Protein backbone atom coordinates (compact mmCIF):
# COMPACT_ATOMS: atom_id res chain seq x y z
CA MET A 1 -66.01 -141.20 -39.84
CA ASN A 2 -65.81 -143.00 -43.89
CA PRO A 3 -68.81 -143.79 -44.67
CA SER A 4 -70.21 -147.42 -45.55
CA ALA A 5 -71.60 -148.21 -48.96
CA ARG A 6 -75.25 -147.67 -48.29
CA ILE A 7 -78.64 -146.59 -50.19
CA HIS A 8 -80.99 -144.21 -48.61
CA HIS A 9 -84.65 -143.48 -49.00
CA PRO A 10 -85.57 -140.18 -47.63
CA THR A 11 -88.63 -140.47 -45.47
CA ALA A 12 -87.99 -136.69 -43.51
CA VAL A 13 -90.95 -134.23 -43.55
CA GLU A 14 -90.68 -131.09 -44.79
CA TYR A 15 -90.76 -128.67 -42.05
CA PHE A 16 -90.40 -124.54 -42.17
CA PHE A 17 -87.36 -123.09 -41.63
CA ARG A 18 -86.58 -119.80 -39.99
CA GLU A 19 -85.11 -118.08 -42.73
CA GLY A 20 -88.32 -118.12 -44.78
CA CYS A 21 -88.96 -121.41 -46.62
CA PHE A 22 -89.69 -125.38 -46.45
CA ILE A 23 -86.89 -128.01 -45.61
CA THR A 24 -87.02 -131.75 -46.45
CA GLU A 25 -83.51 -132.50 -45.53
CA TRP A 26 -82.60 -135.94 -47.61
CA TRP A 27 -79.43 -136.53 -46.98
CA ASN A 28 -77.59 -135.06 -43.53
CA THR A 29 -75.91 -137.23 -41.38
CA PRO A 30 -72.79 -137.34 -38.91
CA TRP A 31 -70.81 -140.63 -40.17
CA ASP A 32 -71.10 -138.69 -43.52
CA ALA A 33 -70.05 -134.98 -42.33
CA ALA A 34 -68.63 -134.41 -46.06
CA VAL A 35 -71.82 -132.79 -47.85
CA SER A 36 -75.82 -132.17 -46.77
CA VAL A 37 -78.65 -132.44 -49.14
CA ALA A 38 -81.56 -130.45 -48.62
CA ARG A 39 -84.43 -130.19 -50.78
CA ALA A 40 -85.85 -126.46 -50.39
CA ARG A 41 -89.38 -124.82 -51.13
CA VAL A 42 -90.10 -120.86 -51.24
CA ALA A 43 -93.60 -120.25 -51.72
CA PRO A 44 -94.71 -117.98 -54.84
CA GLY A 45 -93.92 -114.16 -54.06
CA ALA A 46 -91.38 -115.15 -50.68
CA THR A 47 -88.37 -113.56 -49.83
CA THR A 48 -86.04 -116.30 -48.11
CA ARG A 49 -84.14 -113.77 -45.07
CA TRP A 50 -80.45 -112.61 -45.39
CA HIS A 51 -78.31 -114.95 -43.88
CA ARG A 52 -75.00 -117.00 -44.81
CA LEU A 53 -73.40 -119.67 -43.30
CA ARG A 54 -70.28 -120.28 -41.45
CA ASP A 55 -67.47 -122.27 -42.99
CA VAL A 56 -70.07 -124.22 -45.45
CA THR A 57 -70.29 -123.42 -48.91
CA GLU A 58 -73.86 -124.21 -50.43
CA ARG A 59 -74.56 -124.42 -53.55
CA TYR A 60 -78.44 -124.07 -54.85
CA LEU A 61 -79.22 -126.43 -57.52
CA ILE A 62 -83.10 -125.22 -58.95
CA LEU A 63 -85.28 -127.49 -59.74
CA GLU A 64 -88.57 -125.58 -60.75
CA GLY A 65 -89.94 -122.33 -60.55
CA ARG A 66 -88.63 -119.18 -61.12
CA GLY A 67 -86.61 -116.68 -59.18
CA ARG A 68 -83.78 -114.12 -58.02
CA VAL A 69 -80.81 -114.81 -56.22
CA GLU A 70 -78.92 -112.64 -54.69
CA VAL A 71 -75.55 -113.99 -53.44
CA GLY A 72 -72.31 -111.44 -51.62
CA ASP A 73 -71.83 -108.09 -53.22
CA LEU A 74 -72.79 -109.96 -57.04
CA PRO A 75 -75.76 -108.09 -58.87
CA PRO A 76 -78.91 -109.79 -58.51
CA GLU A 77 -79.94 -112.50 -60.79
CA ASP A 78 -82.91 -114.54 -62.35
CA VAL A 79 -82.62 -118.10 -62.30
CA GLY A 80 -84.78 -120.96 -63.09
CA PRO A 81 -84.18 -125.12 -63.79
CA GLY A 82 -80.99 -126.31 -64.43
CA ALA A 83 -79.13 -122.83 -63.02
CA VAL A 84 -76.34 -123.02 -60.06
CA ALA A 85 -75.43 -120.80 -57.17
CA LEU A 86 -72.46 -121.32 -55.92
CA ILE A 87 -72.03 -119.49 -52.35
CA PRO A 88 -69.03 -119.62 -50.49
CA PRO A 89 -68.50 -119.84 -46.69
CA GLY A 90 -69.56 -116.51 -45.03
CA VAL A 91 -70.83 -114.83 -47.93
CA ARG A 92 -74.44 -113.48 -47.54
CA GLN A 93 -77.30 -114.74 -49.74
CA ARG A 94 -81.17 -115.39 -50.27
CA ILE A 95 -83.77 -116.21 -52.65
CA THR A 96 -87.12 -114.55 -54.18
CA ASN A 97 -89.69 -116.28 -55.72
CA THR A 98 -90.91 -114.45 -58.55
CA GLY A 99 -92.95 -116.88 -60.50
CA ASP A 100 -96.79 -117.78 -59.70
CA ALA A 101 -95.85 -121.06 -59.04
CA ASP A 102 -93.16 -122.85 -55.78
CA LEU A 103 -89.42 -121.83 -56.48
CA ILE A 104 -88.08 -125.86 -55.44
CA PHE A 105 -84.48 -126.02 -55.65
CA LEU A 106 -81.64 -128.67 -53.62
CA ALA A 107 -79.53 -126.91 -51.05
CA LEU A 108 -75.74 -128.50 -51.44
CA CYS A 109 -73.64 -128.10 -48.70
CA THR A 110 -69.92 -128.59 -47.94
CA PRO A 111 -68.90 -129.56 -45.21
CA ARG A 112 -72.90 -130.67 -43.98
CA PHE A 113 -75.30 -128.27 -42.79
CA THR A 114 -75.77 -127.98 -38.88
CA PRO A 115 -78.02 -125.05 -37.56
CA ALA A 116 -74.82 -123.95 -35.46
CA CYS A 117 -73.44 -122.93 -39.02
CA TYR A 118 -76.44 -120.65 -39.91
CA GLU A 119 -76.56 -116.83 -39.02
CA ASP A 120 -79.20 -114.89 -39.73
CA LEU A 121 -78.11 -111.42 -40.96
CA ASP A 122 -81.30 -109.45 -41.23
CA LEU A 123 -81.48 -108.02 -37.82
CA ASP A 124 -84.19 -105.43 -38.32
CA SER A 125 -86.67 -108.21 -39.00
CA ARG A 126 -85.69 -110.10 -35.43
């Protein structure tokens, strides 16, 4: 589908996602399947579950807080406001909040995120 021009004002409510973080969907619609944008919030001391997205490239754009991101076979890396983590399709990922305040980032997915693309890799924790 080709999206038509529009201005969108998010009305979504934050919810807890099984990955271990809080999500607010800012933009995720079938008529703009090319991209989704979600605000993610990770509580201090929390680590999200190891997971990967099938056929979806994800980017973490860190807005607030401090964390440590783990992507594929790269060494863990500390991140803060302005950092971007690029996560190719099918690559395992997780993020830890290493600070005293919430870690907040945008998760931009191309094509858009759907629950069917999410794969939990924390088999020990199921």
